[in-house]
Structures are given as C-alpha cells and as structure tokens.
Protein backbone atom coordinates (compact mmCIF):
# COMPACT_ATOMS: atom_id res chain seq x y z
CA MET A 1 13.37 65.84 -69.82
CA ALA A 2 11.63 64.52 -66.71
CA SER A 3 13.28 65.14 -63.37
CA PRO A 4 14.62 62.02 -61.66
CA LYS A 5 12.30 60.60 -59.06
CA VAL A 6 13.45 61.46 -55.56
CA VAL A 7 13.31 58.54 -53.14
CA PRO A 8 12.77 59.80 -49.59
CA HIS A 9 15.51 58.83 -47.16
CA ARG A 10 14.44 56.35 -44.55
CA PRO A 11 16.73 55.93 -41.57
CA ILE A 12 18.07 52.44 -41.07
CA PRO A 13 16.79 51.11 -37.75
CA ASP A 14 19.31 50.11 -35.14
CA PRO A 15 19.88 46.35 -35.07
CA GLU A 16 18.16 44.43 -32.32
CA PRO A 17 20.50 43.72 -29.42
CA ALA A 18 21.73 40.15 -29.31
CA THR A 19 19.78 37.85 -27.03
CA PRO A 20 21.74 37.31 -23.79
CA VAL A 21 23.03 33.83 -23.14
CA LEU A 22 21.63 33.97 -19.61
CA SER A 23 18.80 36.12 -18.25
CA LEU A 24 17.53 36.05 -14.67
CA SER A 25 14.21 37.69 -13.86
CA GLY A 26 13.06 38.12 -10.26
CA LEU A 27 14.96 35.03 -9.12
CA SER A 28 14.33 34.15 -5.46
CA ARG A 29 15.07 31.32 -3.09
CA ARG A 30 13.44 30.83 0.30
CA TYR A 31 14.09 28.21 2.96
CA GLY A 32 11.01 28.30 5.17
CA LYS A 33 10.89 31.80 6.63
CA ILE A 34 14.47 32.56 5.59
CA THR A 35 15.03 34.32 2.25
CA ALA A 36 18.47 33.59 0.83
CA VAL A 37 17.97 35.37 -2.53
CA GLU A 38 15.20 37.84 -3.33
CA ASP A 39 14.10 39.29 -6.69
CA VAL A 40 17.46 39.20 -8.48
CA SER A 41 17.51 40.13 -12.18
CA PHE A 42 20.44 40.50 -14.58
CA SER A 43 21.79 39.01 -17.80
CA VAL A 44 25.09 37.75 -19.20
CA ALA A 45 25.95 38.15 -22.88
CA ALA A 46 28.08 35.98 -25.13
CA GLY A 47 31.73 37.05 -25.13
CA GLU A 48 31.29 38.90 -21.83
CA VAL A 49 32.73 38.35 -18.34
CA THR A 50 30.28 39.35 -15.62
CA ALA A 51 31.59 39.39 -12.06
CA LEU A 52 29.18 38.35 -9.30
CA LEU A 53 30.31 40.10 -6.14
CA GLY A 54 29.19 40.20 -2.53
CA ASP A 55 30.36 39.58 1.00
CA ASN A 56 29.94 36.24 2.75
CA GLY A 57 26.22 35.53 3.11
CA ALA A 58 25.28 37.83 0.23
CA GLY A 59 23.55 35.02 -1.67
CA LYS A 60 26.15 34.30 -4.36
CA SER A 61 26.37 30.56 -3.71
CA THR A 62 22.60 30.18 -3.61
CA LEU A 63 22.24 32.09 -6.86
CA ILE A 64 24.86 29.91 -8.58
CA SER A 65 23.15 26.80 -7.23
CA MET A 66 19.89 27.86 -8.89
CA ILE A 67 21.53 28.65 -12.23
CA SER A 68 23.48 25.39 -12.26
CA GLY A 69 20.52 23.16 -11.41
CA VAL A 70 21.58 22.26 -7.86
CA THR A 71 18.73 24.16 -6.17
CA PRO A 72 15.32 24.98 -7.70
CA PRO A 73 14.22 28.64 -7.46
CA SER A 74 11.30 29.53 -5.22
CA GLY A 75 10.28 32.25 -7.65
CA GLY A 76 11.34 34.06 -10.79
CA HIS A 77 12.59 32.82 -14.15
CA ILE A 78 15.81 31.66 -15.79
CA ARG A 79 16.17 32.04 -19.55
CA LEU A 80 18.92 30.56 -21.67
CA GLY A 81 19.24 32.07 -25.11
CA GLY A 82 15.88 33.75 -24.56
CA GLN A 83 14.07 30.48 -23.80
CA PRO A 84 12.70 29.73 -20.30
CA VAL A 85 14.42 26.78 -18.63
CA ALA A 86 13.83 24.78 -15.47
CA PHE A 87 16.51 22.37 -14.33
CA SER A 88 15.81 19.36 -12.14
CA SER A 89 19.52 18.53 -11.71
CA PRO A 90 23.04 19.78 -12.52
CA ALA A 91 23.08 17.26 -15.39
CA ASP A 92 20.09 19.09 -16.91
CA ALA A 93 21.98 22.38 -16.73
CA ARG A 94 25.11 20.86 -18.28
CA ARG A 95 23.11 19.41 -21.15
CA ALA A 96 21.62 22.86 -21.75
CA GLY A 97 25.13 24.38 -21.97
CA ILE A 98 25.77 25.68 -18.44
CA ALA A 99 29.02 24.51 -16.84
CA THR A 100 30.05 25.38 -13.30
CA VAL A 101 33.67 25.18 -12.16
CA PHE A 102 33.40 24.97 -8.38
CA GLN A 103 36.34 25.48 -6.06
CA ASN A 104 36.82 21.72 -5.58
CA LEU A 105 37.05 21.37 -9.42
CA SER A 106 35.57 17.82 -9.34
CA LEU A 107 38.69 16.23 -10.82
CA ILE A 108 39.83 12.65 -10.13
CA GLU A 109 43.43 12.60 -8.94
CA ASP A 110 44.46 9.22 -10.32
CA ARG A 111 43.00 9.72 -13.78
CA SER A 112 44.75 11.42 -16.65
CA ILE A 113 44.07 14.90 -18.00
CA ALA A 114 42.23 13.41 -20.98
CA GLU A 115 40.18 11.05 -18.82
CA ASN A 116 39.11 13.95 -16.61
CA LEU A 117 38.05 15.97 -19.65
CA PHE A 118 35.82 13.10 -20.80
CA LEU A 119 34.59 12.12 -17.34
CA GLY A 120 31.04 10.81 -17.69
CA CYS A 121 31.04 11.03 -21.50
CA GLU A 122 33.83 8.66 -22.48
CA ARG A 123 34.30 7.83 -26.15
CA VAL A 124 33.97 4.17 -27.11
CA ARG A 125 34.70 2.01 -30.13
CA PHE A 126 32.67 -1.02 -31.22
CA GLY A 127 30.16 -0.12 -28.53
CA PHE A 128 32.26 -1.15 -25.54
CA LEU A 129 36.01 -0.39 -25.95
CA LEU A 130 37.31 2.91 -24.61
CA ASP A 131 38.76 5.02 -27.42
CA ARG A 132 41.72 6.28 -25.43
CA ARG A 133 43.67 7.37 -28.48
CA GLY A 134 40.73 9.38 -29.80
CA MET A 135 40.09 10.97 -26.39
CA ASN A 136 43.75 11.90 -26.02
CA ARG A 137 43.78 13.46 -29.49
CA GLU A 138 40.59 15.46 -28.89
CA ALA A 139 41.74 16.55 -25.42
CA GLN A 140 44.99 17.89 -26.87
CA SER A 141 43.04 19.75 -29.56
CA VAL A 142 40.92 21.54 -26.93
CA LEU A 143 43.98 22.48 -24.88
CA ASP A 144 45.66 23.81 -28.02
CA ARG A 145 42.61 25.98 -28.78
CA LEU A 146 42.84 27.47 -25.31
CA ARG A 147 46.63 27.79 -25.64
CA VAL A 148 47.04 26.01 -22.33
CA ASN A 149 50.51 24.74 -21.49
CA LEU A 150 50.14 21.40 -19.71
CA PRO A 151 52.09 18.13 -19.48
CA PRO A 152 51.06 15.33 -21.87
CA VAL A 153 47.32 14.57 -21.67
CA THR A 154 48.18 11.09 -20.34
CA THR A 155 49.57 12.67 -17.14
CA ALA A 156 47.60 11.99 -13.94
CA VAL A 157 45.92 15.06 -12.44
CA ARG A 158 47.65 14.48 -9.10
CA TYR A 159 50.89 15.78 -10.66
CA LEU A 160 49.38 19.12 -11.74
CA SER A 161 49.64 22.46 -9.97
CA GLY A 162 46.58 24.39 -8.82
CA GLY A 163 46.53 26.61 -11.89
CA GLN A 164 46.95 23.63 -14.21
CA ARG A 165 44.00 21.90 -12.53
CA GLN A 166 41.89 25.00 -13.12
CA ALA A 167 42.90 24.83 -16.77
CA VAL A 168 41.75 21.21 -16.99
CA ALA A 169 38.39 22.06 -15.39
CA VAL A 170 37.87 24.96 -17.81
CA ALA A 171 38.97 22.88 -20.82
CA ARG A 172 36.32 20.33 -19.86
CA THR A 173 33.62 23.01 -20.20
CA VAL A 174 34.92 23.91 -23.67
CA LEU A 175 35.02 20.27 -24.74
CA HIS A 176 31.35 19.89 -23.83
CA GLY A 177 30.38 23.01 -25.76
CA SER A 178 29.22 25.09 -22.80
CA ARG A 179 27.56 28.40 -23.66
CA LEU A 180 27.92 29.75 -20.12
CA VAL A 181 30.81 29.00 -17.75
CA ILE A 182 30.37 29.85 -14.07
CA MET A 183 33.66 30.10 -12.20
CA ASP A 184 33.57 30.08 -8.40
CA GLU A 185 36.67 31.74 -6.91
CA PRO A 186 38.99 30.31 -9.60
CA THR A 187 42.14 32.01 -8.27
CA ALA A 188 41.67 31.22 -4.59
CA ALA A 189 44.89 29.89 -3.03
CA LEU A 190 46.88 30.35 -6.26
CA GLY A 191 50.18 32.19 -6.52
CA VAL A 192 50.70 35.30 -8.62
CA ARG A 193 51.99 33.48 -11.73
CA GLU A 194 49.23 30.83 -11.71
CA THR A 195 46.57 33.47 -11.06
CA GLY A 196 47.76 35.31 -14.15
CA ARG A 197 47.43 32.15 -16.22
CA VAL A 198 43.88 31.55 -15.02
CA LEU A 199 42.91 35.14 -15.86
CA GLU A 200 44.38 34.67 -19.34
CA LEU A 201 42.26 31.56 -19.69
CA ILE A 202 39.12 33.50 -18.77
CA ASP A 203 40.04 36.12 -21.35
CA ARG A 204 40.38 33.39 -24.00
CA LEU A 205 36.93 32.06 -23.14
CA ARG A 206 35.54 35.55 -23.70
CA SER A 207 37.39 35.94 -27.01
CA GLN A 208 35.85 32.67 -28.22
CA GLY A 209 32.34 33.98 -27.51
CA THR A 210 31.66 32.14 -24.26
CA ALA A 211 29.65 33.91 -21.56
CA VAL A 212 31.48 33.84 -18.20
CA LEU A 213 30.00 34.46 -14.77
CA LEU A 214 32.90 35.01 -12.36
CA VAL A 215 32.52 34.82 -8.58
CA SER A 216 35.50 36.38 -6.83
CA HIS A 217 36.52 38.34 -3.74
CA ASN A 218 39.70 39.54 -5.43
CA MET A 219 38.99 43.05 -6.76
CA ASP A 220 42.29 43.23 -8.65
CA ASN A 221 41.33 40.12 -10.60
CA VAL A 222 37.80 41.40 -11.19
CA PHE A 223 38.96 44.73 -12.59
CA GLU A 224 41.58 43.02 -14.75
CA VAL A 225 39.29 40.57 -16.52
CA ALA A 226 35.58 41.42 -16.04
CA ASP A 227 33.41 43.72 -18.14
CA ARG A 228 30.57 44.24 -15.67
CA ALA A 229 29.88 43.59 -12.02
CA VAL A 230 26.64 42.59 -10.34
CA ILE A 231 26.74 43.21 -6.59
CA LEU A 232 24.62 41.32 -4.06
CA ARG A 233 24.04 42.24 -0.45
CA LEU A 234 21.86 40.25 1.95
CA GLY A 235 20.34 38.34 -0.93
CA ARG A 236 19.37 41.33 -3.07
CA LYS A 237 21.03 42.99 -6.04
CA VAL A 238 22.24 46.42 -4.95
CA GLY A 239 24.28 47.41 -7.97
CA GLU A 240 25.19 46.64 -11.57
CA LEU A 241 28.12 48.53 -13.04
CA GLN A 242 30.31 48.71 -16.12
CA LEU A 243 33.74 48.33 -14.56
CA SER A 244 35.30 50.72 -17.05
CA ASP A 245 32.99 53.42 -15.64
CA THR A 246 33.68 52.95 -11.94
CA ASN A 247 36.46 52.30 -9.42
CA ARG A 248 37.33 49.86 -6.67
CA ALA A 249 36.17 52.15 -3.86
CA GLU A 250 32.66 52.41 -5.27
CA VAL A 251 32.36 48.66 -5.87
CA VAL A 252 33.67 47.83 -2.39
CA GLY A 253 31.25 50.40 -0.95
CA LEU A 254 28.33 48.57 -2.54
CA VAL A 255 29.62 45.20 -1.36
CA VAL A 256 29.93 46.24 2.30
CA GLY A 257 26.97 48.63 2.37
CA GLY A 258 28.72 51.98 2.33
CA ALA A 259 27.13 53.25 -0.88
CA SER A 260 23.62 53.65 -2.23
CA PRO A 261 22.21 51.09 -4.65
CA VAL A 262 23.21 51.82 -8.23
CA SER A 263 20.93 51.64 -11.25
CA PRO A 264 22.27 49.44 -14.07
CA THR A 265 21.31 52.19 -16.54
CA ARG A 266 23.23 54.95 -14.78
CA GLU A 267 25.54 57.22 -16.77
CA ARG A 268 29.27 57.36 -16.24
CA VAL A 269 30.55 57.84 -12.72
CA ALA A 270 31.68 61.37 -12.02
C-alpha cells in the first residue's frame, strides 16, 4: 500500500495591516521665512483615537488647518485611505470625509438641532420644499445611534448646554459619513459631568470605526480616551507613543521639552 503523500507545511503569512484612514508624510507649512510646521509624519487608523499634543505655538492649529483644507501645505503629502489628496477648501475636505469640530462649533443659535445637523445640505421635496419631517426623523436616528441624550430635535441650539452643543457638532459629522473627525479642545470650558459625556461620545465614535484626531491640553482626558499620542514642539514631531505604554510625566516632558524625542517604534517604557 502506497504511503500517503506528505504535503509540506507552508506558514500562513501575516495579514497586511489595514490602510490608515489618514497618513501624513513630511508635512510642512512655511510663511515666508517662518516655518510653522516642519516634516511631520504620522497616521491615524479607523477605530482609533490619536491625541495631538503640544504647547501653545507647537504647530497643532497649523497642522489641523492643512488636514482640514483651510491652509495648503508648503511641502509633504496627505493621504486619505492610502490615496493622495490635495484640498483647495474645507468643503473639499468635508466631501472627502474629513470633519473638523472647532472650538466655536459653527452652530447657529436660532436654528433647531435638526437644522444644524443638515446645515448646508438640507433635504428637499419636489425640488424646492424643505423636508423638515424627514430631517427631524433622520437627525433623531443619528442621535439614537450615538446614544446622545438631547431635547427634541426641534429645540433651538441656544437652549443647549456646552456639552449638548458638542454632541450636536459631533452628530453632524456622523450624519455626513465622515471617516475622520478632528476635535479641537472639545472639553474646554465644560464641567466635569459634561466633559464625561463628551469623552463617552468620542469613545462611541471609535467603537463605530471612525478615526478620531483629538487636540487637547487636558492630560486626564487624553489618557482616558486616546490610544496614541503624537507630540509636537516648535513645529516638529518629537514623540509618538502608545499611551498604555507610558505615563503622564513622560508625555508632559516631551510637550515642554524636558525629555528626549521618542521613536514611534520604541519598546515598552521601563
């Protein structure tokens, strides 16, 4: 009887890592002889919260402006889903799936929650009539998905608290199908309870697969909700850390200049 043929074992290759939602490569911005951001590279994955940290003047705002289409880069590349992109305006970035929630939130006080969610992309019937009922229904559906507790969607924004306004601004990004949400100091001037609600909202975005880039000076908030931190100082990236592998003292040291630059591929902190 013939021996069974032996099939040699071939190891199964590791799967290719998922393409990051956002990749920056050598991004720079110069204003005449002044360099605001120089040679910054990092990426943000789907379902990940990346904190962008740095002291005042570190280049965070300029970097966000380039990603969100407000300011064109002087050098380097932005890739979205692995594809190179160049935005001529914030509207270009929004259409590509990048939403930025700035500190002023860009909400209209006298309009309702639903109207603010659909601002600039109102639903119409018969080509000219506003579909208020449809917008209200869809707005409520988005808020339910995020498990956000707000007054009726017909309520004017002027009657909302600071945390509730943040929730409306974030819900707007979800409604428009944003792949990347940039949040600029979302808990500034909020009380403890409202800050907790905003952090829960960020966590829900992550759980739904959205990439989040969080700008914050609040280290407690950063360590509670973020997965990684990218640290800028004087326009350059000086560190990139897994927050589960480090501590507040080391991160603060990089922010203020009391620690050496850290390689993003470094092993666990001793």
